[in-house]
């Protein structure tokens, strides 16, 4: 189906509040286009805060260890 026809069919389906799905396969690749007038997603889990893992006052051993790490190395494995 050419894109102009898909757009016309999409407008008709949106006016009728009907979901339309276009799919095309090109061997291992392709596309899926889903069009609906409105889709509401309800988050059933309660909101929670993001844990803050920053260390504002590191202990001396941690500070010494981080200062011993060379971040300017060109070896990506060591970095």
PDB file of N, CA and C in Angstrom:
ATOM      1  N   UNK A   1       0.855  -1.168   0.000  1.00  0.00           N
ATOM      2  CA  UNK A   1       0.000   0.000   0.000  1.00  0.00           C
ATOM      3  C   UNK A   1       0.903   1.234   0.000  1.00  0.00           C
ATOM      4  N   UNK A   2       0.619   2.168  -0.851  1.00  0.00           N
ATOM      5  CA  UNK A   2       1.419   3.392  -0.914  1.00  0.00           C
ATOM      6  C   UNK A   2       1.064   4.299   0.262  1.00  0.00           C
ATOM      7  N   UNK A   3       1.968   5.222   0.572  1.00  0.00           N
ATOM      8  CA  UNK A   3       1.798   6.058   1.764  1.00  0.00           C
ATOM      9  C   UNK A   3       0.551   6.936   1.686  1.00  0.00           C
ATOM     10  N   UNK A   4       0.237   7.470   0.518  1.00  0.00           N
ATOM     11  CA  UNK A   4      -0.967   8.308   0.394  1.00  0.00           C
ATOM     12  C   UNK A   4      -2.223   7.533   0.768  1.00  0.00           C
ATOM     13  N   UNK A   5      -2.306   6.290   0.335  1.00  0.00           N
ATOM     14  CA  UNK A   5      -3.466   5.459   0.680  1.00  0.00           C
ATOM     15  C   UNK A   5      -3.496   5.147   2.169  1.00  0.00           C
ATOM     16  N   UNK A   6      -2.313   4.918   2.769  1.00  0.00           N
ATOM     17  CA  UNK A   6      -2.267   4.645   4.209  1.00  0.00           C
ATOM     18  C   UNK A   6      -2.727   5.862   5.008  1.00  0.00           C
ATOM     19  N   UNK A   7      -2.338   7.056   4.566  1.00  0.00           N
ATOM     20  CA  UNK A   7      -2.737   8.278   5.269  1.00  0.00           C
ATOM     21  C   UNK A   7      -4.249   8.475   5.170  1.00  0.00           C
ATOM     22  N   UNK A   8      -4.818   8.249   3.991  1.00  0.00           N
ATOM     23  CA  UNK A   8      -6.277   8.384   3.820  1.00  0.00           C
ATOM     24  C   UNK A   8      -7.028   7.376   4.684  1.00  0.00           C
ATOM     25  N   UNK A   9      -6.565   6.117   4.677  1.00  0.00           N
ATOM     26  CA  UNK A   9      -7.211   5.089   5.490  1.00  0.00           C
ATOM     27  C   UNK A   9      -7.062   5.412   6.976  1.00  0.00           C
ATOM     28  N   UNK A  10      -5.907   5.956   7.366  1.00  0.00           N
ATOM     29  CA  UNK A  10      -5.680   6.338   8.759  1.00  0.00           C
ATOM     30  C   UNK A  10      -6.662   7.420   9.188  1.00  0.00           C
ATOM     31  N   UNK A  11      -6.903   8.414   8.341  1.00  0.00           N
ATOM     32  CA  UNK A  11      -7.869   9.478   8.682  1.00  0.00           C
ATOM     33  C   UNK A  11      -9.274   8.913   8.861  1.00  0.00           C
ATOM     34  N   UNK A  12      -9.667   8.015   7.967  1.00  0.00           N
ATOM     35  CA  UNK A  12     -11.001   7.405   8.059  1.00  0.00           C
ATOM     36  C   UNK A  12     -11.129   6.605   9.358  1.00  0.00           C
ATOM     37  N   UNK A  13     -10.105   5.830   9.685  1.00  0.00           N
ATOM     38  CA  UNK A  13     -10.151   5.012  10.901  1.00  0.00           C
ATOM     39  C   UNK A  13     -10.121   5.873  12.161  1.00  0.00           C
ATOM     40  N   UNK A  14      -9.358   6.966  12.144  1.00  0.00           N
ATOM     41  CA  UNK A  14      -9.335   7.858  13.306  1.00  0.00           C
ATOM     42  C   UNK A  14     -10.692   8.501  13.529  1.00  0.00           C
ATOM     43  N   UNK A  15     -11.358   8.903  12.448  1.00  0.00           N
ATOM     44  CA  UNK A  15     -12.684   9.499  12.593  1.00  0.00           C
ATOM     45  C   UNK A  15     -13.681   8.500  13.163  1.00  0.00           C
ATOM     46  N   UNK A  16     -13.500   7.221  12.837  1.00  0.00           N
ATOM     47  CA  UNK A  16     -14.399   6.180  13.345  1.00  0.00           C
ATOM     48  C   UNK A  16     -13.908   5.595  14.665  1.00  0.00           C
ATOM     49  N   UNK A  17     -12.773   6.115  15.196  1.00  0.00           N
ATOM     50  CA  UNK A  17     -12.175   5.629  16.432  1.00  0.00           C
ATOM     51  C   UNK A  17     -11.849   4.134  16.346  1.00  0.00           C
ATOM     52  N   UNK A  18     -11.247   3.760  15.211  1.00  0.00           N
ATOM     53  CA  UNK A  18     -10.852   2.372  14.961  1.00  0.00           C
ATOM     54  C   UNK A  18      -9.332   2.329  14.819  1.00  0.00           C
ATOM     55  N   UNK A  19      -8.707   1.374  15.492  1.00  0.00           N
ATOM     56  CA  UNK A  19      -7.264   1.232  15.385  1.00  0.00           C
ATOM     57  C   UNK A  19      -6.913   0.599  14.045  1.00  0.00           C
ATOM     58  N   UNK A  20      -5.846   1.104  13.435  1.00  0.00           N
ATOM     59  CA  UNK A  20      -5.377   0.529  12.182  1.00  0.00           C
ATOM     60  C   UNK A  20      -3.899   0.179  12.344  1.00  0.00           C
ATOM     61  N   UNK A  21      -3.529  -0.973  11.795  1.00  0.00           N
ATOM     62  CA  UNK A  21      -2.152  -1.447  11.872  1.00  0.00           C
ATOM     63  C   UNK A  21      -1.661  -1.714  10.458  1.00  0.00           C
ATOM     64  N   UNK A  22      -0.550  -1.076  10.111  1.00  0.00           N
ATOM     65  CA  UNK A  22       0.100  -1.316   8.832  1.00  0.00           C
ATOM     66  C   UNK A  22       1.391  -2.068   9.112  1.00  0.00           C
ATOM     67  N   UNK A  23       1.648  -3.110   8.356  1.00  0.00           N
ATOM     68  CA  UNK A  23       2.886  -3.872   8.526  1.00  0.00           C
ATOM     69  C   UNK A  23       3.424  -4.230   7.151  1.00  0.00           C
ATOM     70  N   UNK A  24       4.744  -4.126   7.037  1.00  0.00           N
ATOM     71  CA  UNK A  24       5.394  -4.491   5.788  1.00  0.00           C
ATOM     72  C   UNK A  24       6.703  -5.180   6.139  1.00  0.00           C
ATOM     73  N   UNK A  25       7.007  -6.250   5.419  1.00  0.00           N
ATOM     74  CA  UNK A  25       8.221  -7.007   5.676  1.00  0.00           C
ATOM     75  C   UNK A  25       9.100  -6.979   4.441  1.00  0.00           C
ATOM     76  N   UNK A  26      10.383  -6.757   4.675  1.00  0.00           N
ATOM     77  CA  UNK A  26      11.398  -6.791   3.625  1.00  0.00           C
ATOM     78  C   UNK A  26      12.443  -7.833   4.018  1.00  0.00           C
ATOM     79  N   UNK A  27      12.096  -9.086   4.032  1.00  0.00           N
ATOM     80  CA  UNK A  27      13.022 -10.119   4.478  1.00  0.00           C
ATOM     81  C   UNK A  27      13.208 -10.049   5.984  1.00  0.00           C
ATOM     82  N   UNK A  28      14.411  -9.697   6.419  1.00  0.00           N
ATOM     83  CA  UNK A  28      14.683  -9.628   7.854  1.00  0.00           C
ATOM     84  C   UNK A  28      14.323  -8.287   8.462  1.00  0.00           C
ATOM     85  N   UNK A  29      14.002  -7.299   7.641  1.00  0.00           N
ATOM     86  CA  UNK A  29      13.622  -5.988   8.154  1.00  0.00           C
ATOM     87  C   UNK A  29      12.207  -5.666   7.726  1.00  0.00           C
ATOM     88  N   UNK A  30      11.673  -4.607   8.259  1.00  0.00           N
ATOM     89  CA  UNK A  30      10.324  -4.190   7.904  1.00  0.00           C
ATOM     90  C   UNK A  30       9.874  -3.083   8.819  1.00  0.00           C
ATOM     91  N   UNK A  31       8.570  -2.818   8.831  1.00  0.00           N
ATOM     92  CA  UNK A  31       8.051  -1.808   9.743  1.00  0.00           C
ATOM     93  C   UNK A  31       6.639  -2.164  10.154  1.00  0.00           C
ATOM     94  N   UNK A  32       6.263  -1.655  11.309  1.00  0.00           N
ATOM     95  CA  UNK A  32       4.899  -1.777  11.812  1.00  0.00           C
ATOM     96  C   UNK A  32       4.475  -0.379  12.217  1.00  0.00           C
ATOM     97  N   UNK A  33       3.328   0.033  11.735  1.00  0.00           N
ATOM     98  CA  UNK A  33       2.798   1.352  12.066  1.00  0.00           C
ATOM     99  C   UNK A  33       1.419   1.150  12.684  1.00  0.00           C
ATOM    100  N   UNK A  34       1.269   1.566  13.918  1.00  0.00           N
ATOM    101  CA  UNK A  34       0.010   1.430  14.641  1.00  0.00           C
ATOM    102  C   UNK A  34      -0.542   2.826  14.860  1.00  0.00           C
ATOM    103  N   UNK A  35      -1.801   3.016  14.512  1.00  0.00           N
ATOM    104  CA  UNK A  35      -2.403   4.333  14.642  1.00  0.00           C
ATOM    105  C   UNK A  35      -3.736   4.218  15.369  1.00  0.00           C
ATOM    106  N   UNK A  36      -3.833   4.963  16.467  1.00  0.00           N
ATOM    107  CA  UNK A  36      -5.075   5.027  17.230  1.00  0.00           C
ATOM    108  C   UNK A  36      -5.357   6.487  17.553  1.00  0.00           C
ATOM    109  N   UNK A  37      -6.617   6.788  17.778  1.00  0.00           N
ATOM    110  CA  UNK A  37      -6.986   8.167  18.094  1.00  0.00           C
ATOM    111  C   UNK A  37      -6.394   8.599  19.424  1.00  0.00           C
ATOM    112  N   UNK A  38      -6.521   7.755  20.428  1.00  0.00           N
ATOM    113  CA  UNK A  38      -5.965   8.062  21.746  1.00  0.00           C
ATOM    114  C   UNK A  38      -5.637   6.758  22.437  1.00  0.00           C
ATOM    115  N   UNK A  39      -4.512   6.747  23.137  1.00  0.00           N
ATOM    116  CA  UNK A  39      -4.102   5.561  23.877  1.00  0.00           C
ATOM    117  C   UNK A  39      -3.604   6.018  25.243  1.00  0.00           C
ATOM    118  N   UNK A  40      -4.292   5.628  26.276  1.00  0.00           N
ATOM    119  CA  UNK A  40      -3.913   6.026  27.636  1.00  0.00           C
ATOM    120  C   UNK A  40      -3.117   4.909  28.293  1.00  0.00           C
ATOM    121  N   UNK A  41      -2.013   5.266  28.921  1.00  0.00           N
ATOM    122  CA  UNK A  41      -1.202   4.320  29.667  1.00  0.00           C
ATOM    123  C   UNK A  41      -1.334   4.681  31.135  1.00  0.00           C
ATOM    124  N   UNK A  42      -1.744   3.713  31.933  1.00  0.00           N
ATOM    125  CA  UNK A  42      -1.926   3.943  33.361  1.00  0.00           C
ATOM    126  C   UNK A  42      -0.810   3.238  34.100  1.00  0.00           C
ATOM    127  N   UNK A  43      -0.065   3.991  34.871  1.00  0.00           N
ATOM    128  CA  UNK A  43       1.023   3.433  35.668  1.00  0.00           C
ATOM    129  C   UNK A  43       0.429   2.913  36.969  1.00  0.00           C
ATOM    130  N   UNK A  44       0.454   1.602  37.142  1.00  0.00           N
ATOM    131  CA  UNK A  44      -0.182   1.015  38.324  1.00  0.00           C
ATOM    132  C   UNK A  44       0.736   1.007  39.541  1.00  0.00           C
ATOM    133  N   UNK A  45       2.015   1.247  39.332  1.00  0.00           N
ATOM    134  CA  UNK A  45       2.940   1.254  40.465  1.00  0.00           C
ATOM    135  C   UNK A  45       2.971   2.642  41.094  1.00  0.00           C
ATOM    136  N   UNK A  46       3.145   2.709  42.389  1.00  0.00           N
ATOM    137  CA  UNK A  46       3.202   4.032  43.032  1.00  0.00           C
ATOM    138  C   UNK A  46       4.481   4.764  42.649  1.00  0.00           C
ATOM    139  N   UNK A  47       4.391   6.078  42.641  1.00  0.00           N
ATOM    140  CA  UNK A  47       5.574   6.887  42.387  1.00  0.00           C
ATOM    141  C   UNK A  47       6.554   6.712  43.539  1.00  0.00           C
ATOM    142  N   UNK A  48       7.812   6.625  43.200  1.00  0.00           N
ATOM    143  CA  UNK A  48       8.836   6.533  44.221  1.00  0.00           C
ATOM    144  C   UNK A  48      10.009   7.406  43.813  1.00  0.00           C
ATOM    145  N   UNK A  49      10.771   7.796  44.801  1.00  0.00           N
ATOM    146  CA  UNK A  49      11.885   8.683  44.535  1.00  0.00           C
ATOM    147  C   UNK A  49      13.066   7.885  43.983  1.00  0.00           C
ATOM    148  N   UNK A  50      13.915   8.559  43.263  1.00  0.00           N
ATOM    149  CA  UNK A  50      15.112   7.947  42.717  1.00  0.00           C
ATOM    150  C   UNK A  50      16.196   7.951  43.794  1.00  0.00           C
ATOM    151  N   UNK A  51      16.768   6.794  44.037  1.00  0.00           N
ATOM    152  CA  UNK A  51      17.818   6.709  45.046  1.00  0.00           C
ATOM    153  C   UNK A  51      19.031   7.508  44.607  1.00  0.00           C
ATOM    154  N   UNK A  52      19.595   8.248  45.528  1.00  0.00           N
ATOM    155  CA  UNK A  52      20.777   9.060  45.260  1.00  0.00           C
ATOM    156  C   UNK A  52      21.997   8.288  45.749  1.00  0.00           C
ATOM    157  N   UNK A  53      22.857   7.878  44.803  1.00  0.00           N
ATOM    158  CA  UNK A  53      24.020   7.083  45.164  1.00  0.00           C
ATOM    159  C   UNK A  53      25.317   7.896  45.174  1.00  0.00           C
ATOM    160  N   UNK A  54      25.208   9.217  45.146  1.00  0.00           N
ATOM    161  CA  UNK A  54      26.407  10.048  45.181  1.00  0.00           C
ATOM    162  C   UNK A  54      27.025  10.033  46.581  1.00  0.00           C
ATOM    163  N   UNK A  55      28.357  10.160  46.604  1.00  0.00           N
ATOM    164  CA  UNK A  55      29.069  10.226  47.878  1.00  0.00           C
ATOM    165  C   UNK A  55      29.629  11.629  48.034  1.00  0.00           C
ATOM    166  N   UNK A  56      29.007  12.412  48.892  1.00  0.00           N
ATOM    167  CA  UNK A  56      29.463  13.786  49.105  1.00  0.00           C
ATOM    168  C   UNK A  56      30.689  13.849  50.011  1.00  0.00           C
ATOM    169  N   UNK A  57      30.794  12.931  50.939  1.00  0.00           N
ATOM    170  CA  UNK A  57      31.918  12.893  51.876  1.00  0.00           C
ATOM    171  C   UNK A  57      32.527  11.494  51.870  1.00  0.00           C
ATOM    172  N   UNK A  58      33.363  11.171  50.852  1.00  0.00           N
ATOM    173  CA  UNK A  58      33.931   9.817  50.799  1.00  0.00           C
ATOM    174  C   UNK A  58      34.920   9.588  51.921  1.00  0.00           C
ATOM    175  N   UNK A  59      35.030   8.347  52.385  1.00  0.00           N
ATOM    176  CA  UNK A  59      35.990   8.013  53.428  1.00  0.00           C
ATOM    177  C   UNK A  59      37.394   8.007  52.826  1.00  0.00           C
ATOM    178  N   UNK A  60      38.408   8.148  53.620  1.00  0.00           N
ATOM    179  CA  UNK A  60      39.778   8.331  53.117  1.00  0.00           C
ATOM    180  C   UNK A  60      40.265   7.209  52.196  1.00  0.00           C
ATOM    181  N   UNK A  61      39.929   5.961  52.520  1.00  0.00           N
ATOM    182  CA  UNK A  61      40.371   4.840  51.677  1.00  0.00           C
ATOM    183  C   UNK A  61      39.760   4.916  50.285  1.00  0.00           C
ATOM    184  N   UNK A  62      38.500   5.286  50.203  1.00  0.00           N
ATOM    185  CA  UNK A  62      37.853   5.407  48.898  1.00  0.00           C
ATOM    186  C   UNK A  62      38.459   6.553  48.096  1.00  0.00           C
ATOM    187  N   UNK A  63      38.704   7.652  48.746  1.00  0.00           N
ATOM    188  CA  UNK A  63      39.306   8.793  48.065  1.00  0.00           C
ATOM    189  C   UNK A  63      40.696   8.441  47.540  1.00  0.00           C
ATOM    190  N   UNK A  64      41.486   7.729  48.343  1.00  0.00           N
ATOM    191  CA  UNK A  64      42.824   7.320  47.924  1.00  0.00           C
ATOM    192  C   UNK A  64      42.745   6.373  46.726  1.00  0.00           C
ATOM    193  N   UNK A  65      41.798   5.437  46.752  1.00  0.00           N
ATOM    194  CA  UNK A  65      41.638   4.494  45.642  1.00  0.00           C
ATOM    195  C   UNK A  65      41.243   5.218  44.359  1.00  0.00           C
ATOM    196  N   UNK A  66      40.295   6.121  44.434  1.00  0.00           N
ATOM    197  CA  UNK A  66      39.857   6.822  43.223  1.00  0.00           C
ATOM    198  C   UNK A  66      40.957   7.708  42.645  1.00  0.00           C
ATOM    199  N   UNK A  67      41.797   8.249  43.504  1.00  0.00           N
ATOM    200  CA  UNK A  67      42.901   9.063  43.003  1.00  0.00           C
ATOM    201  C   UNK A  67      43.985   8.215  42.362  1.00  0.00           C
ATOM    202  N   UNK A  68      44.038   6.921  42.679  1.00  0.00           N
ATOM    203  CA  UNK A  68      45.047   6.043  42.092  1.00  0.00           C
ATOM    204  C   UNK A  68      44.644   5.531  40.705  1.00  0.00           C
ATOM    205  N   UNK A  69      43.400   5.693  40.314  1.00  0.00           N
ATOM    206  CA  UNK A  69      42.929   5.222  39.011  1.00  0.00           C
ATOM    207  C   UNK A  69      43.269   6.264  37.953  1.00  0.00           C
ATOM    208  N   UNK A  70      43.932   5.806  36.867  1.00  0.00           N
ATOM    209  CA  UNK A  70      44.319   6.692  35.778  1.00  0.00           C
ATOM    210  C   UNK A  70      43.236   6.665  34.703  1.00  0.00           C
ATOM    211  N   UNK A  71      42.458   7.718  34.592  1.00  0.00           N
ATOM    212  CA  UNK A  71      41.391   7.779  33.591  1.00  0.00           C
ATOM    213  C   UNK A  71      41.890   8.256  32.232  1.00  0.00           C
ATOM    214  N   UNK A  72      43.143   8.674  32.153  1.00  0.00           N
ATOM    215  CA  UNK A  72      43.711   9.152  30.883  1.00  0.00           C
ATOM    216  C   UNK A  72      44.346   8.036  30.070  1.00  0.00           C
ATOM    217  N   UNK A  73      44.186   6.812  30.480  1.00  0.00           N
ATOM    218  CA  UNK A  73      44.777   5.691  29.761  1.00  0.00           C
ATOM    219  C   UNK A  73      44.089   5.490  28.409  1.00  0.00           C
ATOM    220  N   UNK A  74      44.852   5.014  27.434  1.00  0.00           N
ATOM    221  CA  UNK A  74      44.288   4.800  26.097  1.00  0.00           C
ATOM    222  C   UNK A  74      43.751   3.373  25.940  1.00  0.00           C
ATOM    223  N   UNK A  75      44.015   2.521  26.906  1.00  0.00           N
ATOM    224  CA  UNK A  75      43.529   1.152  26.854  1.00  0.00           C
ATOM    225  C   UNK A  75      42.063   1.120  27.274  1.00  0.00           C
ATOM    226  N   UNK A  76      41.143   0.774  26.348  1.00  0.00           N
ATOM    227  CA  UNK A  76      39.717   0.815  26.696  1.00  0.00           C
ATOM    228  C   UNK A  76      39.327  -0.226  27.750  1.00  0.00           C
ATOM    229  N   UNK A  77      40.056  -1.333  27.828  1.00  0.00           N
ATOM    230  CA  UNK A  77      39.734  -2.348  28.835  1.00  0.00           C
ATOM    231  C   UNK A  77      40.084  -1.822  30.224  1.00  0.00           C
ATOM    232  N   UNK A  78      41.254  -1.177  30.337  1.00  0.00           N
ATOM    233  CA  UNK A  78      41.654  -0.646  31.630  1.00  0.00           C
ATOM    234  C   UNK A  78      40.772   0.529  32.036  1.00  0.00           C
ATOM    235  N   UNK A  79      40.313   1.301  31.068  1.00  0.00           N
ATOM    236  CA  UNK A  79      39.468   2.446  31.365  1.00  0.00           C
ATOM    237  C   UNK A  79      38.141   1.964  31.888  1.00  0.00           C
TER     238      UNK A  79
END
